[in-house]
Each structure stands twice: as structure tokens, then as C-alpha cells.
């Protein structure tokens, strides 16, 4: 009887060691998560700021994930690195917005509000995968879109959550689906409503965005003070308001090909007439306005520009880049 008892005690000892080891390992992982350094939010170079001459292009360097810039007056148009690591980036005025996805199970994401020196001033934890980021011309209003499920607009199985943050008041709209929507002249309710791609007017009150429901997309005009949104036009995605406030750049679905469904267009808000730009490739991005006459957008690992009036041809602005922004 002595042998079996010894064997039983031995197995009990082995099991206890394994359990303790597993607990220690889990604790180590948790501790590592707690103590792991966050991506550096401040610019490494003190001179790396949003200030500077007109025409500076800021963007996400796809090789490092860090924010970089290209100065038009630098010989060779060399890029200058120094910003934080971001998955999506935008900047205007003296404010920048950095959407950052961090590893883990489940993965974590954050919206980092940055000052003009790209130093972190606020951090907001977010569910989902970063997708769109926008800052109003004054730098007061911020918006971001996260994929809650799915990771592409080209598939039917996606859901988004879009938020708006007013830096002056501190008010955060966690989900734009709270805003009353008018569609076809009537108050609209549906469980499948999704918003994405916000762009702000210069008054920091009016905004435009995409709303999707029942297989269709619409351009909506919103009123923050009036707490309302109304659909203006069908088949408009990822709107971007021109600096002069007269036109909307957007991607329009022109094909059922899920790999290449869109083409960039520009809509005149006064006449509601639209025209395609010279970029004929399918672009899945929320275009930025480099100036009143030029669009910039990410496509196939580079940032491109094209005239907004439909003339000319696409031109590569910078390789290995995405999320273009032109702070004014």
C-alpha cells in the first residue's frame, strides 16, 4: 500500500506545481500588461510641431507607424519623423488626433488627443478597430470611427461606432446613433443604423457624415446644438468638407465588385451636382483637402493627390504613408 500512496502524493505534488506555475505565468502576463511601456505620445524632436508654413503634409509612416511630415520647401521633399505611433491620424488647428490599437487579448484601442507639439493631453479607451479620424478646422471638435465588428466597408458583415468629442466643453458623444435622424422627411428609427466618416464645418456646430441603413448609404448634415441629423443625398461615403465649406469630397459606390467598388467624387453643396475626379482607381479612404483645389488620400501604401475639379491626373505625394493631414 505504500507504493500507491507515494505515487498519489507525487502526482498531487506535480499538479500543485503546475497550477502554481500557471498562476505565476498568468500573473506575469498581467503584470507585463500593466507595466508595458505605452507608445511614446510625445514627439522625439521638439521642433516637430503642427506649426509651420502652409503646405506641410503630415501622415502616418507605414514602416514605423509613427507620425511624420513632409515640408514642401525641403530639398528632395524628405520626410521628417518624430511623432507618436498611430493607426489613424488627423490634425488641424493646434490639435491632433491619434487612434492607436494596442496588442492584447482582447485588443485594446485608444483615442489620443495631442497638442500642437504632439504631446498627449487626453486618452480615451475605445472598443473595436480604428478606422477614421477627423479634427475640425479650429481644433475644437474631434471625431473617430471604430469598426465594432468586421474590418471593411466592402463586406456586409460590419458595424461601426462613431464618436464626437468637444474639447471646449469636454462633452463626448460616445455613439452618434443617439442623434435623432431624419430620412425622407421623417424621423427614422432602425436597429441597423451605422454612422461613419464625420467632417466638420468651420463653425464647429454643423457636420456631415455617412449613415448606412438597409443596404443604402446617405450623406447626412448634422447640427450639434440642435441635436439632429438629416439625410441629404444617397450613395455618399466618407465625406470631407472643403476648406471654403462649399464642396464635399466623397467616395461613391460605382461597382458591385467588392474589391474595387468606389470612385472619388466631389459634390457642390449649393447645386447638389457631383463629378468624379481624375483618380479612376477604387479608393477606400476619407480624402483630405490639401488646399481648396486639391484632394489627398491614401491608396496602396502611398499618399496621392488629385485636382478636385476633375482635371489633371493623380500624383504620388509620398510613398510608404497613409492618413494625410494638412494643418492650417
Protein backbone atom coordinates (compact mmCIF):
# COMPACT_ATOMS: atom_id res chain seq x y z
CA UNK A 1 0.00 0.00 0.00
CA UNK A 2 2.99 2.26 0.50
CA UNK A 3 3.82 2.49 -3.24
CA UNK A 4 0.39 3.67 -4.42
CA UNK A 5 0.25 6.27 -1.64
CA UNK A 6 3.65 7.60 -2.63
CA UNK A 7 2.61 7.75 -6.28
CA UNK A 8 -0.59 9.59 -5.34
CA UNK A 9 1.36 12.10 -3.28
CA UNK A 10 3.84 12.55 -6.15
CA UNK A 11 1.06 13.27 -8.68
CA UNK A 12 -0.58 15.67 -6.24
CA UNK A 13 2.76 17.49 -5.89
CA UNK A 14 3.21 17.67 -9.68
CA UNK A 15 -0.33 19.01 -10.10
CA UNK A 16 0.22 21.65 -7.44
CA UNK A 17 3.45 22.79 -9.09
CA UNK A 18 1.71 23.06 -12.47
CA UNK A 19 -1.17 25.04 -11.01
CA UNK A 20 1.16 27.37 -9.16
CA UNK A 21 3.30 27.76 -12.26
CA UNK A 22 0.26 28.53 -14.39
CA UNK A 23 -0.93 31.09 -11.87
CA UNK A 24 2.50 32.65 -11.75
CA UNK A 25 2.64 32.74 -15.55
CA UNK A 26 -0.79 34.37 -15.76
CA UNK A 27 0.25 36.87 -13.11
CA UNK A 28 3.43 37.58 -15.06
CA UNK A 29 1.42 38.24 -18.23
CA UNK A 30 -0.97 40.52 -16.37
CA UNK A 31 1.90 42.34 -14.69
CA UNK A 32 3.64 42.72 -18.03
CA UNK A 33 0.49 44.25 -19.49
CA UNK A 34 0.27 46.66 -16.58
CA UNK A 35 3.91 47.68 -16.76
CA UNK A 36 4.47 47.55 -20.53
CA UNK A 37 5.50 50.98 -21.76
CA UNK A 38 2.90 52.78 -23.83
CA UNK A 39 3.76 54.01 -27.30
CA UNK A 40 5.54 57.31 -26.83
CA UNK A 41 2.93 60.03 -27.28
CA UNK A 42 5.29 62.99 -27.47
CA UNK A 43 7.39 63.96 -30.46
CA UNK A 44 11.03 62.96 -30.13
CA UNK A 45 12.12 66.19 -31.82
CA UNK A 46 10.95 69.36 -30.00
CA UNK A 47 10.83 71.09 -33.38
CA UNK A 48 8.33 68.54 -34.66
CA UNK A 49 5.12 70.53 -34.25
CA UNK A 50 1.94 71.32 -36.13
CA UNK A 51 3.22 74.88 -36.57
CA UNK A 52 4.91 75.85 -39.79
CA UNK A 53 4.39 77.08 -43.33
CA UNK A 54 1.35 76.21 -45.41
CA UNK A 55 1.67 73.08 -47.50
CA UNK A 56 3.19 70.86 -44.84
CA UNK A 57 1.84 67.33 -45.18
CA UNK A 58 1.57 65.21 -42.05
CA UNK A 59 0.96 61.49 -42.39
CA UNK A 60 1.43 58.08 -40.82
CA UNK A 61 4.68 56.40 -41.85
CA UNK A 62 3.60 52.85 -42.70
CA UNK A 63 7.05 51.36 -42.00
CA UNK A 64 7.23 52.58 -38.39
CA UNK A 65 3.62 53.54 -37.62
CA UNK A 66 4.87 56.93 -36.41
CA UNK A 67 3.58 60.31 -37.48
CA UNK A 68 5.89 62.07 -39.92
CA UNK A 69 5.75 65.14 -42.13
CA UNK A 70 6.97 66.36 -45.48
CA UNK A 71 7.91 70.01 -45.95
CA UNK A 72 7.44 71.46 -49.44
CA UNK A 73 10.50 73.71 -49.10
CA UNK A 74 12.92 70.92 -48.12
CA UNK A 75 15.19 69.76 -50.98
CA UNK A 76 14.13 66.31 -52.18
CA UNK A 77 10.93 66.63 -50.12
CA UNK A 78 12.46 64.33 -47.49
CA UNK A 79 10.22 63.18 -44.67
CA UNK A 80 10.82 64.21 -41.09
CA UNK A 81 9.83 61.69 -38.42
CA UNK A 82 9.20 62.29 -34.74
CA UNK A 83 5.51 61.85 -33.88
CA UNK A 84 3.73 59.13 -31.89
CA UNK A 85 2.73 55.70 -33.15
CA UNK A 86 -0.80 55.77 -34.63
CA UNK A 87 -3.06 53.55 -36.70
CA UNK A 88 -5.08 56.56 -37.88
CA UNK A 89 -4.11 60.22 -37.63
CA UNK A 90 -5.53 63.66 -38.36
CA UNK A 91 -4.70 67.20 -37.28
CA UNK A 92 -5.95 70.75 -37.65
CA UNK A 93 -5.53 73.98 -35.78
CA UNK A 94 -3.41 73.22 -32.73
CA UNK A 95 -4.91 69.75 -32.13
CA UNK A 96 -4.10 66.28 -33.42
CA UNK A 97 -5.97 63.01 -33.03
CA UNK A 98 -4.15 59.69 -32.92
CA UNK A 99 -6.07 56.39 -32.95
CA UNK A 100 -3.91 53.66 -31.56
CA UNK A 101 -4.51 49.93 -31.41
CA UNK A 102 -2.56 48.07 -28.73
CA UNK A 103 -1.89 44.32 -28.58
CA UNK A 104 -3.60 42.08 -26.08
CA UNK A 105 -6.48 39.67 -25.68
CA UNK A 106 -8.81 41.28 -26.44
CA UNK A 107 -7.01 44.00 -28.40
CA UNK A 108 -7.33 47.49 -26.94
CA UNK A 109 -7.67 50.77 -28.77
CA UNK A 110 -7.32 54.37 -27.68
CA UNK A 111 -8.05 57.85 -28.96
CA UNK A 112 -5.13 60.09 -28.03
CA UNK A 113 -5.75 63.83 -28.06
CA UNK A 114 -2.49 65.63 -28.82
CA UNK A 115 -1.44 69.27 -28.58
CA UNK A 116 0.42 71.21 -31.26
CA UNK A 117 3.71 69.57 -30.20
CA UNK A 118 2.01 66.17 -30.49
CA UNK A 119 2.12 65.64 -26.74
CA UNK A 120 -0.70 63.58 -25.26
CA UNK A 121 -3.23 65.61 -23.28
CA UNK A 122 -6.07 63.10 -23.06
CA UNK A 123 -6.57 59.36 -23.62
CA UNK A 124 -9.89 57.61 -24.19
CA UNK A 125 -10.22 53.80 -24.22
CA UNK A 126 -12.22 52.52 -27.18
CA UNK A 127 -13.73 49.22 -28.29
CA UNK A 128 -13.00 47.97 -31.79
CA UNK A 129 -10.56 48.67 -34.62
CA UNK A 130 -9.53 52.25 -35.58
CA UNK A 131 -10.91 53.34 -38.94
CA UNK A 132 -11.49 57.10 -39.40
CA UNK A 133 -10.22 60.20 -37.58
CA UNK A 134 -11.09 63.88 -38.04
CA UNK A 135 -10.33 67.21 -36.33
CA UNK A 136 -12.28 70.39 -37.10
CA UNK A 137 -10.50 73.41 -38.63
CA UNK A 138 -10.28 75.16 -35.24
CA UNK A 139 -9.04 72.04 -33.46
CA UNK A 140 -12.03 72.07 -31.09
CA UNK A 141 -14.14 69.19 -32.43
CA UNK A 142 -12.83 65.65 -32.83
CA UNK A 143 -14.46 62.55 -34.27
CA UNK A 144 -13.39 58.96 -34.74
CA UNK A 145 -14.93 55.82 -36.18
CA UNK A 146 -14.20 52.31 -34.93
CA UNK A 147 -15.14 49.02 -36.52
CA UNK A 148 -17.11 47.20 -33.83
CA UNK A 149 -17.41 44.05 -35.96
CA UNK A 150 -15.83 43.27 -39.32
CA UNK A 151 -12.94 45.30 -40.69
CA UNK A 152 -14.08 46.60 -44.06
CA UNK A 153 -16.90 48.60 -45.61
CA UNK A 154 -16.64 46.29 -48.63
CA UNK A 155 -18.33 43.47 -46.70
CA UNK A 156 -21.90 43.28 -45.47
CA UNK A 157 -20.86 42.00 -42.04
CA UNK A 158 -19.61 45.21 -40.47
CA UNK A 159 -20.74 47.52 -37.72
CA UNK A 160 -19.27 50.86 -36.71
CA UNK A 161 -19.31 53.15 -33.71
CA UNK A 162 -18.59 56.83 -34.29
CA UNK A 163 -17.92 59.34 -31.52
CA UNK A 164 -17.64 63.13 -31.30
CA UNK A 165 -15.64 65.00 -28.65
CA UNK A 166 -15.97 68.73 -27.94
CA UNK A 167 -12.67 69.80 -26.40
CA UNK A 168 -14.04 73.14 -25.21
CA UNK A 169 -16.90 71.68 -23.16
CA UNK A 170 -15.48 68.20 -22.64
CA UNK A 171 -18.75 66.69 -23.89
CA UNK A 172 -18.32 63.26 -25.50
CA UNK A 173 -20.91 61.69 -27.78
CA UNK A 174 -19.93 58.06 -27.41
CA UNK A 175 -22.16 56.84 -30.22
CA UNK A 176 -23.68 59.07 -32.91
CA UNK A 177 -26.64 56.71 -33.22
CA UNK A 178 -28.05 58.66 -30.27
CA UNK A 179 -28.59 61.69 -32.56
CA UNK A 180 -32.17 61.85 -33.96
CA UNK A 181 -32.08 61.11 -37.71
CA UNK A 182 -34.48 62.38 -40.39
CA UNK A 183 -34.60 60.32 -43.57
CA UNK A 184 -37.01 61.05 -46.43
CA UNK A 185 -38.52 63.90 -44.41
CA UNK A 186 -39.47 61.64 -41.49
CA UNK A 187 -37.90 60.73 -38.18
CA UNK A 188 -36.13 57.45 -38.81
CA UNK A 189 -35.60 54.50 -36.47
CA UNK A 190 -33.83 51.23 -37.37
CA UNK A 191 -31.56 48.85 -35.46
CA UNK A 192 -29.05 48.66 -38.32
CA UNK A 193 -28.18 52.39 -38.46
CA UNK A 194 -24.41 53.00 -38.69
CA UNK A 195 -22.55 56.32 -38.84
CA UNK A 196 -19.00 56.90 -40.01
CA UNK A 197 -16.67 59.46 -41.57
CA UNK A 198 -17.55 62.77 -39.86
CA UNK A 199 -16.32 66.10 -41.24
CA UNK A 200 -16.89 69.47 -39.53
CA UNK A 201 -17.83 72.94 -40.78
CA UNK A 202 -15.83 75.95 -39.63
CA UNK A 203 -18.49 76.94 -37.08
CA UNK A 204 -17.79 73.75 -35.06
CA UNK A 205 -21.53 73.09 -34.97
CA UNK A 206 -22.55 71.79 -38.39
CA UNK A 207 -21.11 68.49 -39.53
CA UNK A 208 -21.51 65.97 -42.33
CA UNK A 209 -21.24 62.19 -42.07
CA UNK A 210 -22.24 58.93 -43.71
CA UNK A 211 -25.19 56.97 -42.38
CA UNK A 212 -25.96 53.46 -43.59
CA UNK A 213 -29.21 51.54 -43.19
CA UNK A 214 -30.95 48.72 -45.06
CA UNK A 215 -28.16 48.38 -47.61
CA UNK A 216 -28.00 52.08 -48.60
CA UNK A 217 -25.68 54.91 -47.61
CA UNK A 218 -26.56 58.60 -47.25
CA UNK A 219 -24.85 61.91 -46.74
CA UNK A 220 -26.28 63.49 -43.61
CA UNK A 221 -25.99 67.06 -42.38
CA UNK A 222 -25.89 67.38 -38.60
CA UNK A 223 -26.46 70.14 -36.08
CA UNK A 224 -24.73 69.71 -32.72
CA UNK A 225 -26.65 72.45 -30.90
CA UNK A 226 -29.93 71.34 -32.46
CA UNK A 227 -29.03 67.69 -31.74
CA UNK A 228 -30.29 66.48 -35.11
CA UNK A 229 -29.17 64.99 -38.42
CA UNK A 230 -30.95 64.81 -41.77
CA UNK A 231 -30.16 62.84 -44.92
CA UNK A 232 -29.31 64.97 -47.97
CA UNK A 233 -28.28 62.52 -50.66
CA UNK A 234 -27.88 58.80 -51.29
CA UNK A 235 -24.68 56.89 -52.14
CA UNK A 236 -22.19 59.12 -50.33
CA UNK A 237 -19.45 57.67 -48.10
CA UNK A 238 -16.63 59.20 -46.07
CA UNK A 239 -17.40 62.89 -46.76
CA UNK A 240 -14.72 65.55 -46.42
CA UNK A 241 -15.70 69.23 -46.42
CA UNK A 242 -13.53 71.64 -48.42
CA UNK A 243 -11.75 74.44 -46.52
CA UNK A 244 -14.08 77.02 -48.07
CA UNK A 245 -17.12 74.99 -46.97
CA UNK A 246 -18.68 74.74 -50.43
CA UNK A 247 -17.89 71.18 -51.53
CA UNK A 248 -17.82 67.64 -50.21
CA UNK A 249 -15.27 65.11 -51.42
CA UNK A 250 -16.54 61.56 -51.01
CA UNK A 251 -16.26 58.01 -52.27
CA UNK A 252 -19.20 56.82 -54.36
CA UNK A 253 -20.06 53.19 -54.96
CA UNK A 254 -19.96 52.68 -58.72
CA UNK A 255 -19.48 48.91 -58.93
CA UNK A 256 -20.65 45.71 -57.26
CA UNK A 257 -17.09 44.42 -57.28
CA UNK A 258 -16.33 44.10 -53.55
CA UNK A 259 -12.61 44.56 -54.24
CA UNK A 260 -12.99 47.82 -56.17
CA UNK A 261 -16.42 49.34 -55.60
CA UNK A 262 -15.70 53.08 -55.19
CA UNK A 263 -14.59 56.16 -57.08
CA UNK A 264 -13.77 59.56 -55.62
CA UNK A 265 -16.28 62.31 -56.39
CA UNK A 266 -16.84 65.93 -55.38
CA UNK A 267 -20.28 67.33 -54.56
CA UNK A 268 -21.19 71.02 -54.84
CA UNK A 269 -23.32 71.75 -51.77
CA UNK A 270 -25.11 74.68 -53.40
CA UNK A 271 -26.26 72.88 -56.54
CA UNK A 272 -26.00 69.26 -55.28
CA UNK A 273 -24.26 68.42 -58.55
CA UNK A 274 -21.39 65.96 -58.41
CA UNK A 275 -18.47 64.98 -60.64
CA UNK A 276 -15.76 62.29 -60.48
CA UNK A 277 -12.12 63.26 -60.07
CA UNK A 278 -9.34 62.02 -62.33
CA UNK A 279 -8.43 59.18 -59.94
CA UNK A 280 -10.02 56.11 -61.54
CA UNK A 281 -8.79 53.53 -59.02
CA UNK A 282 -11.04 52.43 -56.18
CA UNK A 283 -10.00 54.44 -53.11
CA UNK A 284 -11.12 53.32 -49.65
CA UNK A 285 -10.23 56.41 -47.66
CA UNK A 286 -11.69 59.63 -46.31
CA UNK A 287 -9.94 62.13 -48.55
CA UNK A 288 -8.27 65.20 -47.04
CA UNK A 289 -8.13 68.64 -48.66
CA UNK A 290 -4.53 69.73 -49.17
CA UNK A 291 -5.95 73.11 -50.23
CA UNK A 292 -9.18 74.39 -51.77
CA UNK A 293 -8.39 72.76 -55.09
CA UNK A 294 -6.54 69.55 -54.23
CA UNK A 295 -7.51 66.25 -52.61
CA UNK A 296 -5.10 63.92 -50.81
CA UNK A 297 -5.79 60.29 -49.94
CA UNK A 298 -4.14 57.02 -49.04
CA UNK A 299 -4.02 54.23 -51.61
CA UNK A 300 -1.90 51.09 -51.82
CA UNK A 301 0.68 52.21 -49.28
CA UNK A 302 1.17 55.78 -50.53
CA UNK A 303 -0.44 59.20 -50.26
CA UNK A 304 -1.68 60.62 -53.55
CA UNK A 305 -3.09 63.97 -54.65
CA UNK A 306 -5.50 64.85 -57.44
CA UNK A 307 -7.24 68.07 -58.53
CA UNK A 308 -10.72 68.39 -57.05
CA UNK A 309 -12.27 69.81 -60.22
CA UNK A 310 -11.94 66.58 -62.22
CA UNK A 311 -8.99 67.70 -64.34
CA UNK A 312 -5.37 66.57 -64.29
CA UNK A 313 -4.12 63.20 -63.06
CA UNK A 314 -3.24 61.52 -59.74
CA UNK A 315 0.22 62.27 -58.40
CA UNK A 316 2.12 60.37 -55.73
CA UNK A 317 2.89 62.78 -52.89
CA UNK A 318 4.77 60.43 -50.56
CA UNK A 319 5.41 56.67 -50.53
CA UNK A 320 5.01 54.42 -47.51
CA UNK A 321 2.34 56.65 -46.00
CA UNK A 322 -1.32 56.92 -45.03
CA UNK A 323 -3.66 59.24 -43.07
CA UNK A 324 -2.68 62.55 -44.73
CA UNK A 325 -3.41 65.80 -42.89
CA UNK A 326 -2.68 69.44 -43.70
CA UNK A 327 -3.00 71.51 -40.51
CA UNK A 328 -3.86 75.13 -41.14
